[in-house]
């Protein structure tokens, strides 16, 4: 993974301090749409989050809202600059040094987030709008979305499509094995904004 120079974002990142991730939202709330790329029909979530979130916080929010388990590496791509956890990923800027508020000041409205560098689950993140945060507003909630998160380690979008074909065909020679591997009644259409918000609430519960 290669990091490219971006003076505007570096300046914004330098001004970003640490904030307890369990704190309630202050300032503004930002509405984001997160779309899992290369899925048809698309898997997506709409989130309302605090603009004081760092990209590190946003990583946790996307994981919780989508339904990922967090066992793989990840990175954000913002204008060609890669952000992630320098402790686990080479050649990335520190995701905990850049807030959503700084992105908005830099007029960034769209960026990428990749989870699992083997399966390459690519997400398109769009900043849709912002509004003042009310008193006691949570750090993150999910207000809408569609479809279940693909199972971890299924081989990326291509592997997921193949898995769905196998699960839909009980006569397929791999059907029983794939059902056993999933170890659950996986429904690709299942989604609950309330359940996603509950996971976000647990992720960002007040300390």
Protein backbone atom coordinates (compact mmCIF):
# COMPACT_ATOMS: atom_id res chain seq x y z
CA UNK A 1 0.00 0.00 0.00
CA UNK A 2 1.48 3.36 -1.01
CA UNK A 3 0.88 6.70 0.67
CA UNK A 4 0.78 9.81 -1.51
CA UNK A 5 1.22 13.42 -0.36
CA UNK A 6 -1.81 15.56 0.42
CA UNK A 7 -0.86 18.85 2.11
CA UNK A 8 -4.43 19.94 2.85
CA UNK A 9 -5.37 16.75 4.63
CA UNK A 10 -2.04 16.57 6.47
CA UNK A 11 -2.65 20.07 7.83
CA UNK A 12 -6.16 19.10 8.91
CA UNK A 13 -4.88 15.91 10.48
CA UNK A 14 -2.24 17.81 12.44
CA UNK A 15 -5.00 19.81 14.12
CA UNK A 16 -7.01 16.73 15.07
CA UNK A 17 -6.59 15.75 18.71
CA UNK A 18 -7.64 12.67 20.61
CA UNK A 19 -11.22 12.39 21.89
CA UNK A 20 -12.69 9.64 24.04
CA UNK A 21 -14.56 7.45 21.54
CA UNK A 22 -17.28 6.77 24.09
CA UNK A 23 -18.23 10.45 24.47
CA UNK A 24 -21.66 11.67 23.30
CA UNK A 25 -21.78 13.65 20.08
CA UNK A 26 -21.10 17.39 20.19
CA UNK A 27 -20.98 19.95 17.40
CA UNK A 28 -22.53 18.56 14.23
CA UNK A 29 -23.96 15.29 13.01
CA UNK A 30 -23.00 13.99 9.59
CA UNK A 31 -25.13 11.71 7.43
CA UNK A 32 -23.06 9.15 5.55
CA UNK A 33 -24.03 6.54 2.99
CA UNK A 34 -21.79 3.48 2.92
CA UNK A 35 -22.17 1.24 -0.13
CA UNK A 36 -20.39 -2.10 -0.49
CA UNK A 37 -19.06 -1.92 -4.04
CA UNK A 38 -19.42 -4.68 -6.64
CA UNK A 39 -22.54 -6.15 -5.00
CA UNK A 40 -25.80 -6.48 -6.96
CA UNK A 41 -28.29 -5.60 -5.69
CA UNK A 42 -26.13 -3.37 -3.49
CA UNK A 43 -25.50 -3.84 0.22
CA UNK A 44 -25.59 -0.41 1.87
CA UNK A 45 -26.09 1.50 5.13
CA UNK A 46 -27.00 5.11 5.94
CA UNK A 47 -25.43 6.36 9.17
CA UNK A 48 -25.73 9.52 11.23
CA UNK A 49 -22.48 10.08 13.12
CA UNK A 50 -20.73 12.83 15.08
CA UNK A 51 -18.41 14.98 12.98
CA UNK A 52 -15.90 14.75 15.84
CA UNK A 53 -15.30 11.12 14.88
CA UNK A 54 -11.82 10.21 13.74
CA UNK A 55 -11.37 7.84 10.84
CA UNK A 56 -10.43 5.24 13.45
CA UNK A 57 -13.85 5.70 15.02
CA UNK A 58 -15.49 5.55 11.60
CA UNK A 59 -13.75 2.24 10.91
CA UNK A 60 -15.41 0.83 14.03
CA UNK A 61 -18.77 2.34 13.03
CA UNK A 62 -18.67 0.83 9.53
CA UNK A 63 -17.73 -2.55 10.96
CA UNK A 64 -20.64 -2.47 13.40
CA UNK A 65 -23.22 -1.15 10.95
CA UNK A 66 -22.27 -3.44 8.09
CA UNK A 67 -21.87 -6.51 10.27
CA UNK A 68 -18.17 -7.21 9.73
CA UNK A 69 -16.24 -8.87 12.54
CA UNK A 70 -13.05 -6.81 12.42
CA UNK A 71 -10.57 -9.66 12.05
CA UNK A 72 -8.77 -8.26 8.97
CA UNK A 73 -6.73 -5.22 7.99
CA UNK A 74 -8.38 -2.10 6.61
CA UNK A 75 -7.57 1.30 5.11
CA UNK A 76 -9.29 4.48 3.99
CA UNK A 77 -8.39 6.11 0.66
CA UNK A 78 -8.93 9.87 0.66
CA UNK A 79 -7.72 11.68 -2.41
CA UNK A 80 -5.00 9.08 -2.96
CA UNK A 81 -3.74 9.17 0.64
CA UNK A 82 -4.11 5.96 2.61
CA UNK A 83 -5.19 6.13 6.26
CA UNK A 84 -5.24 3.22 8.67
CA UNK A 85 -3.65 1.79 11.79
CA UNK A 86 0.14 2.27 11.52
CA UNK A 87 0.59 -0.42 14.15
CA UNK A 88 -0.79 -3.10 11.81
CA UNK A 89 -0.54 -1.65 8.29
CA UNK A 90 2.52 -0.33 6.46
CA UNK A 91 2.64 3.01 4.63
CA UNK A 92 -0.54 4.53 6.03
CA UNK A 93 -1.21 7.82 7.77
CA UNK A 94 -2.67 7.52 11.27
CA UNK A 95 -6.47 7.23 11.01
CA UNK A 96 -6.80 8.58 14.55
CA UNK A 97 -5.33 11.93 13.50
CA UNK A 98 -8.07 12.92 11.07
CA UNK A 99 -11.67 13.80 11.94
CA UNK A 100 -14.76 13.94 9.76
CA UNK A 101 -15.02 17.65 10.55
CA UNK A 102 -11.60 18.17 8.94
CA UNK A 103 -12.73 16.30 5.84
CA UNK A 104 -15.72 18.57 5.55
CA UNK A 105 -13.53 21.65 5.90
CA UNK A 106 -11.41 20.25 3.07
CA UNK A 107 -14.63 19.76 1.02
CA UNK A 108 -14.16 16.01 0.79
CA UNK A 109 -17.54 14.42 0.04
CA UNK A 110 -16.57 10.94 -1.11
CA UNK A 111 -13.83 8.49 -0.16
CA UNK A 112 -13.10 4.79 -0.02
CA UNK A 113 -12.77 2.22 2.74
CA UNK A 114 -11.36 -1.26 2.12
CA UNK A 115 -11.71 -4.12 4.57
CA UNK A 116 -9.72 -7.38 4.26
CA UNK A 117 -6.85 -6.95 1.81
CA UNK A 118 -7.34 -10.52 0.60
CA UNK A 119 -11.07 -10.45 -0.18
CA UNK A 120 -10.92 -6.68 -0.84
CA UNK A 121 -14.33 -5.55 0.37
CA UNK A 122 -14.41 -2.02 -1.05
CA UNK A 123 -16.87 0.50 0.38
CA UNK A 124 -17.80 3.86 -1.15
CA UNK A 125 -18.48 6.41 1.61
CA UNK A 126 -20.42 9.55 0.72
CA UNK A 127 -20.90 12.54 3.04
CA UNK A 128 -24.48 13.56 2.29
CA UNK A 129 -25.26 16.38 4.74
CA UNK A 130 -24.65 17.73 8.23
CA UNK A 131 -26.80 19.25 10.95
CA UNK A 132 -26.32 20.51 14.53
CA UNK A 133 -26.19 17.78 17.15
CA UNK A 134 -28.91 17.86 19.79
CA UNK A 135 -28.10 17.44 23.46
CA UNK A 136 -27.20 13.84 24.28
CA UNK A 137 -27.11 12.74 20.63
CA UNK A 138 -25.39 9.34 20.22
CA UNK A 139 -22.05 9.04 18.46
CA UNK A 140 -23.55 6.89 15.71
CA UNK A 141 -26.87 5.42 14.60
CA UNK A 142 -28.01 3.56 11.50
CA UNK A 143 -31.17 5.01 9.98
CA UNK A 144 -31.49 2.89 6.82
CA UNK A 145 -29.90 0.16 4.79
CA UNK A 146 -30.44 -2.87 2.63
CA UNK A 147 -29.32 -6.49 2.69
CA UNK A 148 -27.17 -8.60 4.90
CA UNK A 149 -23.42 -8.29 5.19
CA UNK A 150 -21.64 -11.04 3.21
CA UNK A 151 -20.02 -13.75 5.33
CA UNK A 152 -16.38 -13.14 6.25
CA UNK A 153 -13.73 -15.01 4.24
CA UNK A 154 -16.07 -16.01 1.41
CA UNK A 155 -13.73 -14.75 -1.31
CA UNK A 156 -14.79 -11.16 -1.92
CA UNK A 157 -17.67 -10.09 -4.19
CA UNK A 158 -17.02 -12.83 -6.77
CA UNK A 159 -16.89 -15.51 -4.07
CA UNK A 160 -20.04 -14.11 -2.48
CA UNK A 161 -21.99 -14.30 -5.74
CA UNK A 162 -20.86 -17.90 -6.17
CA UNK A 163 -21.86 -18.69 -2.59
CA UNK A 164 -25.35 -17.28 -3.17
CA UNK A 165 -25.75 -19.42 -6.29
CA UNK A 166 -24.76 -22.53 -4.34
CA UNK A 167 -27.10 -21.75 -1.43
CA UNK A 168 -30.01 -21.18 -3.82
CA UNK A 169 -29.52 -24.59 -5.46
CA UNK A 170 -30.14 -27.47 -3.06
CA UNK A 171 -29.03 -29.92 -5.74
CA UNK A 172 -25.60 -28.29 -6.02
CA UNK A 173 -22.87 -30.71 -4.85
CA UNK A 174 -21.42 -27.99 -2.55
CA UNK A 175 -24.74 -26.91 -1.04
CA UNK A 176 -24.56 -28.99 2.15
CA UNK A 177 -20.91 -28.13 2.72
CA UNK A 178 -21.47 -24.41 2.35
CA UNK A 179 -24.47 -24.49 4.68
CA UNK A 180 -22.36 -26.30 7.25
CA UNK A 181 -19.55 -23.77 6.79
CA UNK A 182 -21.93 -20.87 7.43
CA UNK A 183 -23.20 -22.62 10.55
CA UNK A 184 -26.37 -20.52 10.47
CA UNK A 185 -29.47 -19.84 8.38
CA UNK A 186 -27.92 -17.05 6.33
CA UNK A 187 -30.47 -14.77 4.63
CA UNK A 188 -28.82 -12.37 2.14
CA UNK A 189 -31.85 -10.05 2.24
CA UNK A 190 -32.01 -9.75 6.03
CA UNK A 191 -31.30 -6.32 7.51
CA UNK A 192 -32.47 -4.40 10.56
CA UNK A 193 -31.54 -0.76 11.16
CA UNK A 194 -32.49 -1.23 14.81
CA UNK A 195 -30.05 -4.14 15.17
CA UNK A 196 -27.31 -2.17 13.42
CA UNK A 197 -27.96 0.79 15.73
CA UNK A 198 -27.80 -1.50 18.75
CA UNK A 199 -24.36 -2.72 17.64
CA UNK A 200 -23.27 0.90 17.16
CA UNK A 201 -24.59 1.81 20.59
CA UNK A 202 -22.58 -1.00 22.16
CA UNK A 203 -19.53 0.05 20.18
CA UNK A 204 -19.74 3.68 21.31
CA UNK A 205 -21.40 3.32 24.68
CA UNK A 206 -20.65 6.05 27.18
CA UNK A 207 -17.91 5.33 29.70
